[in-house]
Protein backbone atom coordinates (compact mmCIF):
# COMPACT_ATOMS: atom_id res chain seq x y z
CA MET A 1 -0.11 0.19 0.25
CA GLU A 2 1.50 3.34 -0.76
CA LEU A 3 1.80 5.33 2.22
CA PRO A 4 1.45 9.54 2.41
CA THR A 5 4.53 11.08 2.92
CA PRO A 6 5.68 12.29 6.26
CA SER A 7 6.81 15.79 6.89
CA PRO A 8 10.15 16.61 6.50
CA HIS A 9 10.39 17.23 10.34
CA ALA A 10 9.22 13.53 10.96
CA LEU A 11 11.29 12.14 8.77
CA GLU A 12 14.44 14.24 10.03
CA GLN A 13 13.11 12.44 13.55
CA SER A 14 13.07 8.87 12.08
CA ALA A 15 16.66 9.34 10.65
CA ALA A 16 17.49 9.91 13.98
CA LEU A 17 16.21 7.19 15.30
CA GLN A 18 17.13 4.94 12.54
CA THR A 19 20.92 5.99 13.39
CA ARG A 20 20.58 5.55 17.18
CA ILE A 21 19.50 2.00 16.22
CA GLY A 22 22.55 1.45 13.93
CA GLN A 23 24.52 2.22 17.15
CA ILE A 24 22.19 -0.52 19.43
CA ILE A 25 22.96 -3.06 16.65
CA GLN A 26 26.38 -2.40 16.39
CA GLU A 27 26.57 -2.31 20.24
CA HIS A 28 25.33 -5.97 20.22
CA GLY A 29 27.44 -7.44 17.40
CA GLY A 30 25.61 -6.93 14.28
CA TRP A 31 22.25 -7.91 14.82
CA LEU A 32 19.08 -7.19 17.30
CA PRO A 33 16.42 -9.55 17.80
CA PHE A 34 13.08 -7.95 16.91
CA THR A 35 11.85 -7.68 20.39
CA ARG A 36 14.98 -5.11 20.50
CA TYR A 37 13.96 -3.38 17.61
CA ILE A 38 10.22 -2.69 18.62
CA ALA A 39 11.65 -1.26 21.60
CA ALA A 40 13.53 1.13 20.41
CA ALA A 41 11.04 2.24 17.78
CA LEU A 42 8.06 2.58 19.58
CA TYR A 43 10.14 3.97 23.11
CA THR A 44 13.36 5.79 22.82
CA PRO A 45 13.13 8.64 24.52
CA GLY A 46 11.89 11.75 22.77
CA LEU A 47 12.49 9.62 19.06
CA GLY A 48 10.48 6.54 19.45
CA TYR A 49 6.87 6.31 18.35
CA TYR A 50 5.26 6.27 21.85
CA SER A 51 7.75 8.69 23.68
CA GLY A 52 7.47 11.35 20.39
CA GLY A 53 4.97 14.27 19.96
CA ALA A 54 3.24 13.14 17.15
CA GLU A 55 -0.82 12.46 17.11
CA LYS A 56 -1.22 8.97 17.48
CA PHE A 57 -4.90 8.22 18.18
CA GLY A 58 -8.15 9.40 16.56
CA PRO A 59 -8.53 11.19 12.84
CA GLY A 60 -5.52 13.45 12.78
CA GLY A 61 -3.30 10.15 13.99
CA ASP A 62 -2.83 6.96 12.48
CA PHE A 63 -5.33 4.53 14.31
CA VAL A 64 -8.54 4.92 16.38
CA THR A 65 -9.39 2.83 19.58
CA ALA A 66 -12.65 1.74 21.08
CA PRO A 67 -12.85 4.76 23.20
CA GLU A 68 -12.56 7.57 20.60
CA ILE A 69 -15.27 5.60 18.42
CA THR A 70 -18.19 5.89 20.92
CA PRO A 71 -18.41 6.85 25.48
CA LEU A 72 -20.49 3.86 25.49
CA PHE A 73 -17.48 1.60 25.15
CA GLY A 74 -16.38 2.85 28.74
CA GLN A 75 -19.68 3.49 30.13
CA SER A 76 -20.07 -0.28 29.31
CA LEU A 77 -16.73 -1.47 30.58
CA ALA A 78 -17.70 0.41 33.58
CA ARG A 79 -20.29 -1.97 34.78
CA GLN A 80 -17.60 -4.62 34.75
CA VAL A 81 -14.97 -2.24 37.06
CA ALA A 82 -17.70 -1.74 39.45
CA ASP A 83 -18.42 -5.16 39.86
CA ILE A 84 -14.60 -6.28 40.42
CA MET A 85 -14.13 -3.12 42.77
CA THR A 86 -17.23 -4.26 44.73
CA GLN A 87 -14.99 -7.62 45.07
CA SER A 88 -12.01 -6.31 46.04
CA ALA A 89 -11.25 -2.91 46.18
CA PRO A 90 -12.14 0.55 45.03
CA ILE A 91 -9.13 0.84 43.17
CA VAL A 92 -8.82 1.35 39.03
CA LEU A 93 -5.97 0.84 37.41
CA GLU A 94 -5.37 1.13 33.60
CA VAL A 95 -2.11 0.43 31.81
CA GLY A 96 -1.79 2.75 28.82
CA ALA A 97 -4.38 5.28 28.78
CA GLY A 98 -3.78 6.73 24.93
CA THR A 99 -5.25 10.08 25.04
CA GLY A 100 -7.34 9.39 29.03
CA LEU A 101 -10.86 8.90 27.11
CA LEU A 102 -11.23 5.77 27.94
CA ALA A 103 -10.23 6.89 31.81
CA ALA A 104 -12.62 9.91 31.59
CA ASP A 105 -15.58 7.65 30.14
CA LEU A 106 -14.86 5.37 32.89
CA LEU A 107 -14.41 8.06 35.56
CA LEU A 108 -17.86 9.87 34.96
CA ALA A 109 -19.92 6.37 34.68
CA LEU A 110 -18.73 4.87 37.81
CA ASP A 111 -18.98 8.11 39.64
CA GLY A 112 -22.51 8.67 38.01
CA ALA A 113 -23.34 5.04 39.49
CA GLY A 114 -22.20 5.51 42.93
CA THR A 115 -19.05 3.52 42.56
CA THR A 116 -16.65 6.31 42.51
CA PRO A 117 -13.11 5.26 42.80
CA GLU A 118 -10.85 6.33 45.67
CA ARG A 119 -8.10 6.33 43.12
CA TYR A 120 -7.80 6.01 39.47
CA PHE A 121 -4.37 4.88 38.76
CA ILE A 122 -2.34 5.50 35.36
CA LEU A 123 0.94 3.13 34.55
CA GLU A 124 1.99 5.30 31.27
CA VAL A 125 5.68 5.20 30.49
CA SER A 126 5.26 8.35 27.57
CA GLY A 127 5.70 11.59 29.15
CA GLU A 128 3.84 13.36 26.17
CA LEU A 129 0.72 11.10 26.53
CA ARG A 130 0.70 11.68 30.18
CA ARG A 131 0.28 15.53 29.38
CA ARG A 132 -2.58 14.58 26.79
CA GLN A 133 -4.52 12.68 29.45
CA LEU A 134 -4.44 14.89 32.10
CA ASP A 135 -5.75 18.26 29.37
CA THR A 136 -8.34 15.24 28.57
CA LEU A 137 -9.48 14.80 31.84
CA ARG A 138 -9.49 18.31 33.14
CA ARG A 139 -11.55 19.07 30.07
CA GLN A 140 -13.86 15.95 30.68
CA ALA A 141 -14.03 15.46 33.90
CA PRO A 142 -12.66 18.17 35.87
CA GLU A 143 -14.04 17.19 39.55
CA LEU A 144 -12.56 13.65 39.32
CA VAL A 145 -9.13 14.37 38.38
CA SER A 146 -7.76 14.77 41.75
CA ARG A 147 -8.35 11.29 41.78
CA VAL A 148 -6.01 10.17 39.33
CA VAL A 149 -2.65 9.44 40.05
CA TRP A 150 0.53 8.46 37.46
CA LEU A 151 2.48 5.42 37.89
CA ASP A 152 6.00 4.79 36.54
CA ASP A 153 5.94 1.09 37.00
CA LEU A 154 3.60 -1.94 38.17
CA PRO A 155 2.80 -1.11 42.32
CA GLU A 156 4.42 -3.40 44.48
CA HIS A 157 1.08 -4.62 45.55
CA PHE A 158 -2.57 -3.93 44.26
CA SER A 159 -6.22 -4.92 44.89
CA GLY A 160 -8.83 -3.63 42.50
CA ALA A 161 -9.58 -3.41 38.93
CA VAL A 162 -6.66 -3.53 36.34
CA VAL A 163 -7.82 -2.55 32.60
CA ALA A 164 -5.72 -2.59 29.65
CA ASN A 165 -7.00 -2.02 26.39
CA GLU A 166 -4.65 -2.40 23.49
CA VAL A 167 -1.65 -3.63 25.70
CA LEU A 168 -0.51 -6.70 24.81
CA ASP A 169 -0.11 -6.06 20.88
CA VAL A 170 2.46 -3.79 21.25
CA MET A 171 4.46 -5.55 23.81
CA PRO A 172 8.22 -6.60 21.89
CA ILE A 173 7.28 -10.05 20.16
CA HIS A 174 10.07 -12.66 18.93
CA LEU A 175 9.78 -13.30 15.23
CA ILE A 176 9.64 -16.75 14.53
CA VAL A 177 10.56 -18.73 10.96
CA SER A 178 10.00 -22.23 10.39
CA ARG A 179 11.79 -23.54 7.41
CA VAL A 180 12.68 -27.28 6.31
CA ASP A 181 16.17 -26.51 7.63
CA GLY A 182 15.11 -25.85 11.12
CA LEU A 183 13.91 -22.73 13.52
CA TRP A 184 15.01 -19.33 12.97
CA GLU A 185 14.37 -15.76 14.78
CA ARG A 186 14.01 -12.79 12.64
CA GLY A 187 15.93 -10.08 13.30
CA VAL A 188 17.30 -6.59 12.41
CA ALA A 189 20.52 -5.49 11.23
CA ALA A 190 22.34 -2.41 9.00
CA ASP A 191 23.89 -2.54 5.75
CA SER A 192 26.52 -0.70 4.52
CA ASP A 193 24.86 2.22 3.97
CA GLY A 194 23.44 2.17 7.45
CA ASN A 195 20.22 0.93 6.01
CA LEU A 196 17.86 -1.28 8.40
CA ILE A 197 17.35 -5.12 7.09
CA TRP A 198 16.40 -8.70 7.96
CA GLN A 199 18.76 -10.87 8.96
CA ASP A 200 17.94 -14.49 10.87
CA ARG A 201 19.61 -16.19 13.27
CA PRO A 202 19.52 -19.73 14.84
CA LEU A 203 16.42 -19.70 17.32
CA LEU A 204 17.62 -20.07 21.07
CA GLY A 205 16.92 -19.76 24.92
CA ALA A 206 13.13 -19.40 25.94
CA ALA A 207 11.93 -18.25 22.32
CA LEU A 208 12.94 -21.75 21.11
CA THR A 209 11.35 -23.32 23.78
CA ALA A 210 8.18 -21.96 23.30
CA ALA A 211 8.27 -22.52 19.36
CA LYS A 212 8.77 -26.31 20.10
CA ALA A 213 6.24 -26.55 22.17
CA LEU A 214 3.65 -24.85 19.28
CA GLU A 215 4.91 -27.49 16.97
CA LEU A 216 4.58 -24.77 14.13
CA PRO A 217 4.31 -25.80 10.37
CA ARG A 218 7.59 -26.69 8.74
CA PRO A 219 6.86 -25.88 4.92
CA GLU A 220 9.08 -27.74 2.09
CA VAL A 221 9.04 -24.70 0.47
CA GLY A 222 9.50 -21.05 2.02
CA GLU A 223 9.07 -20.59 5.26
CA TYR A 224 6.40 -20.15 8.24
CA VAL A 225 6.82 -16.70 9.70
CA THR A 226 4.75 -15.88 12.99
CA GLU A 227 5.31 -14.30 16.55
CA ILE A 228 5.69 -15.63 20.26
CA ASN A 229 5.00 -12.68 22.93
CA LEU A 230 6.88 -13.75 25.83
CA ALA A 231 7.14 -10.52 26.89
CA GLY A 232 3.16 -10.33 27.70
CA ALA A 233 3.02 -13.71 29.31
CA ALA A 234 6.19 -12.14 31.48
CA TRP A 235 4.10 -9.41 32.20
CA ILE A 236 1.02 -11.37 33.16
CA ALA A 237 3.15 -13.51 35.33
CA GLU A 238 4.50 -10.06 37.39
CA TRP A 239 0.93 -9.48 38.19
CA ALA A 240 0.23 -12.48 39.67
CA ARG A 241 2.58 -12.32 42.19
CA ARG A 242 1.63 -8.46 43.00
CA LEU A 243 -2.13 -8.73 42.85
CA THR A 244 -3.98 -9.51 45.97
CA ARG A 245 -7.75 -9.60 45.22
CA GLY A 246 -9.36 -7.98 42.14
CA ALA A 247 -9.05 -9.06 37.93
CA LEU A 248 -6.98 -7.52 34.50
CA LEU A 249 -9.52 -7.04 31.69
CA LEU A 250 -7.40 -7.82 29.26
CA ILE A 251 -8.81 -6.07 25.66
CA ASP A 252 -6.98 -6.82 22.36
CA TYR A 253 -7.32 -8.08 18.90
CA GLY A 254 -6.40 -12.06 18.66
CA TYR A 255 -6.99 -15.55 18.87
CA PRO A 256 -6.95 -18.82 20.99
CA ARG A 257 -3.47 -20.52 19.89
CA ALA A 258 -5.58 -22.71 17.77
CA GLU A 259 -6.49 -20.02 15.49
CA TYR A 260 -3.37 -18.15 15.79
CA TYR A 261 -1.00 -20.75 14.16
CA LEU A 262 -3.20 -22.27 11.38
CA PRO A 263 -0.55 -23.27 8.22
CA HIS A 264 -2.55 -20.59 5.76
CA ARG A 265 -1.17 -17.95 8.63
CA SER A 266 2.14 -18.23 6.71
CA ARG A 267 3.16 -14.62 7.14
CA GLY A 268 2.05 -13.80 10.64
CA THR A 269 -0.06 -11.06 12.04
CA LEU A 270 2.81 -8.43 12.52
CA GLN A 271 1.18 -4.83 11.11
CA CYS A 272 2.16 -1.20 11.93
CA TYR A 273 -0.01 1.59 11.34
CA TYR A 274 0.66 5.12 9.42
CA ARG A 275 -1.97 7.29 8.98
CA HIS A 276 -4.69 5.11 8.96
CA ARG A 277 -3.00 2.37 6.67
CA ALA A 278 -2.33 -0.94 7.71
CA HIS A 279 0.92 -2.10 6.10
CA ASP A 280 3.87 -4.86 7.05
CA ALA A 281 6.93 -2.75 6.49
CA PRO A 282 8.08 -2.35 10.32
CA LEU A 283 11.59 -1.40 9.24
CA GLN A 284 10.40 1.63 7.22
CA TRP A 285 10.47 5.51 9.21
CA PRO A 286 10.95 3.89 12.75
CA GLY A 287 9.67 5.81 15.40
CA LEU A 288 6.66 6.60 12.88
CA ASN A 289 4.55 3.61 12.85
CA ASP A 290 2.60 1.75 15.57
CA ILE A 291 4.23 -1.70 15.15
CA THR A 292 1.58 -4.43 16.83
CA ALA A 293 0.82 -7.95 16.26
CA PHE A 294 -2.43 -9.83 17.10
CA VAL A 295 -2.46 -11.61 20.85
CA ASP A 296 -2.07 -15.59 21.56
CA PHE A 297 -4.93 -15.32 24.18
CA THR A 298 -4.09 -18.85 25.33
CA ALA A 299 -0.68 -18.04 26.00
CA MET A 300 -2.20 -14.98 28.10
CA ALA A 301 -4.47 -17.71 30.08
CA ASP A 302 -1.78 -20.11 30.61
CA ALA A 303 0.61 -17.67 31.96
CA ALA A 304 -2.08 -16.38 34.65
CA PHE A 305 -2.84 -19.67 35.49
CA ASP A 306 0.52 -21.13 35.33
CA ASN A 307 1.52 -18.41 38.00
CA GLY A 308 -1.81 -18.83 40.20
CA LEU A 309 -3.93 -16.30 38.74
CA GLU A 310 -7.75 -17.56 38.01
CA VAL A 311 -9.19 -17.58 34.47
CA TYR A 312 -12.61 -16.22 34.62
CA GLY A 313 -13.45 -15.61 31.27
CA TYR A 314 -12.52 -15.08 27.46
CA THR A 315 -15.31 -13.84 24.92
CA SER A 316 -15.59 -11.29 21.76
CA GLN A 317 -15.56 -7.74 22.49
CA ALA A 318 -19.16 -8.07 20.96
CA GLN A 319 -20.58 -10.17 23.78
CA PHE A 320 -18.67 -8.71 26.40
CA LEU A 321 -20.22 -5.49 25.20
CA PHE A 322 -23.59 -7.21 25.43
CA ASN A 323 -23.65 -8.67 28.66
CA CYS A 324 -22.42 -5.34 30.01
CA GLY A 325 -25.17 -3.61 28.87
CA VAL A 326 -24.45 -1.90 26.15
CA LEU A 327 -27.71 -1.81 23.83
CA ASP A 328 -29.66 -0.45 27.06
CA LEU A 329 -26.77 2.33 27.49
CA LEU A 330 -27.53 3.07 23.61
CA ALA A 331 -31.73 3.01 24.25
CA ASN A 332 -31.04 5.65 26.99
CA ARG A 333 -29.34 8.11 24.16
CA GLY A 334 -32.76 9.45 23.31
CA PRO A 335 -35.21 8.74 20.54
CA GLN A 336 -34.22 6.46 17.76
CA GLU A 337 -34.68 8.90 14.90
CA SER A 338 -32.27 11.75 16.58
CA SER A 339 -29.03 12.15 15.24
CA ASP A 340 -27.40 11.66 18.40
CA TYR A 341 -28.86 8.39 18.68
CA ILE A 342 -28.06 7.26 15.18
CA ARG A 343 -24.72 8.59 15.63
CA ALA A 344 -24.13 6.02 19.04
CA ALA A 345 -25.88 3.61 17.00
CA ARG A 346 -23.39 3.53 14.40
CA ALA A 347 -20.39 3.46 16.76
CA VAL A 348 -22.13 0.78 18.88
CA GLN A 349 -22.31 -1.26 15.36
CA ARG A 350 -18.61 -0.53 14.97
CA LEU A 351 -17.53 -1.79 18.06
CA THR A 352 -19.84 -4.72 17.78
CA THR A 353 -20.45 -6.58 14.25
CA PRO A 354 -17.94 -9.19 13.22
CA GLN A 355 -16.94 -7.76 10.25
CA GLU A 356 -16.10 -4.64 12.47
CA MET A 357 -14.37 -4.76 15.92
CA GLY A 358 -16.92 -7.15 17.68
CA GLU A 359 -15.39 -10.56 16.92
CA LEU A 360 -11.86 -9.36 15.96
CA PHE A 361 -11.27 -7.89 19.48
CA LYS A 362 -11.96 -10.38 22.28
CA VAL A 363 -11.89 -9.71 26.29
CA LEU A 364 -9.72 -12.09 29.13
CA ALA A 365 -10.88 -11.82 32.70
CA VAL A 366 -7.61 -13.01 34.82
CA GLY A 367 -7.39 -12.48 38.88
CA LYS A 368 -7.71 -13.65 41.78
CA GLY A 369 -9.99 -14.01 44.91
CA LEU A 370 -13.22 -12.92 43.08
CA THR A 371 -16.56 -15.05 43.16
CA PRO A 372 -17.24 -15.92 39.46
CA PRO A 373 -19.06 -15.54 36.80
CA LEU A 374 -18.09 -11.84 36.12
CA ARG A 375 -20.77 -10.02 34.26
CA GLY A 376 -18.99 -9.80 30.86
CA PHE A 377 -18.90 -13.21 30.33
CA LEU A 378 -22.07 -14.80 31.72
CA ARG A 379 -23.16 -15.47 27.82
CA GLY A 380 -20.94 -16.58 25.09
CA ASP A 381 -18.10 -17.57 27.13
CA ARG A 382 -15.59 -19.25 25.15
CA LEU A 383 -13.23 -20.59 27.90
CA HIS A 384 -13.45 -23.81 26.18
CA THR A 385 -11.85 -22.40 22.95
CA LEU A 386 -8.52 -21.81 24.99
């Protein structure tokens, strides 16, 4: 797909980041695993995609997330969050809060229902996004801003509700290449002109162990490329150590393992977003693209279970929102012929129809000390598919 040309300033920033990545490659013997490349491309201070100043979310950015589509997403989610707080503690922690719209919608909905959290923590690594989140909260929910606290790292101990909307998909992944001659890891090197290029090396360590367990297709001709998200599994294991009582609501696009590693998905799920266009060239314009991969929800559920968490439910985003009453909330938007209702109905359709986000996105709930079933999984739970 032909991409829009970045501005001269954006290209200058990307060139500076590419030079820095080239230095890192040299420091590591001429090759970086893709995990390290993603970390540099997304989070290098001042230059990385999530630590630079370019607009990322919404119509003027590179992609749109559910909170930008309609506040009904956050209002529906708030009902499940309130249930979790009732069984644990009146605390919410949102990981990677984007523009802050979901935080504002959740706070307003919880406050309106009489279940205002004592604290709303936001774990955010980007200083630029923290500023944007504060601006959004001051504009949308000024009376509740005092309850919001930004964190630099996971709390040592936590009870309450954790919300992670589109977080797992941007964690660093290993790129795995299965060929007739064995398993390889695809990483990044630099040519004599400093251009970033792909280079494969033998797969080693924990990624090799995980890949062998998957029994990936081994084509006689060509290659089978896929991803393993060890960072996501390790992150959930950390939460298992720190969570006293409560649940994590993990919302993202992905599949159960049986669907993730199908033979026909031979090019993997890695994709980039630039100005609302999806493409598969993560080495182009580092720092200007969001780099993501679909989530293997079986791996995430296994990581939770293996580290002592309970797996409370797994279902599609559509079913989760229906269970949380999104259609009732829509009905309260006024007469069906009103422009406000029509806009809201179109937004809900985008969130719930299989052709849009309703089936592509899933919700996984894991936690400790709660009494199931949780509201969002009362109907249509797909735990059996994991």
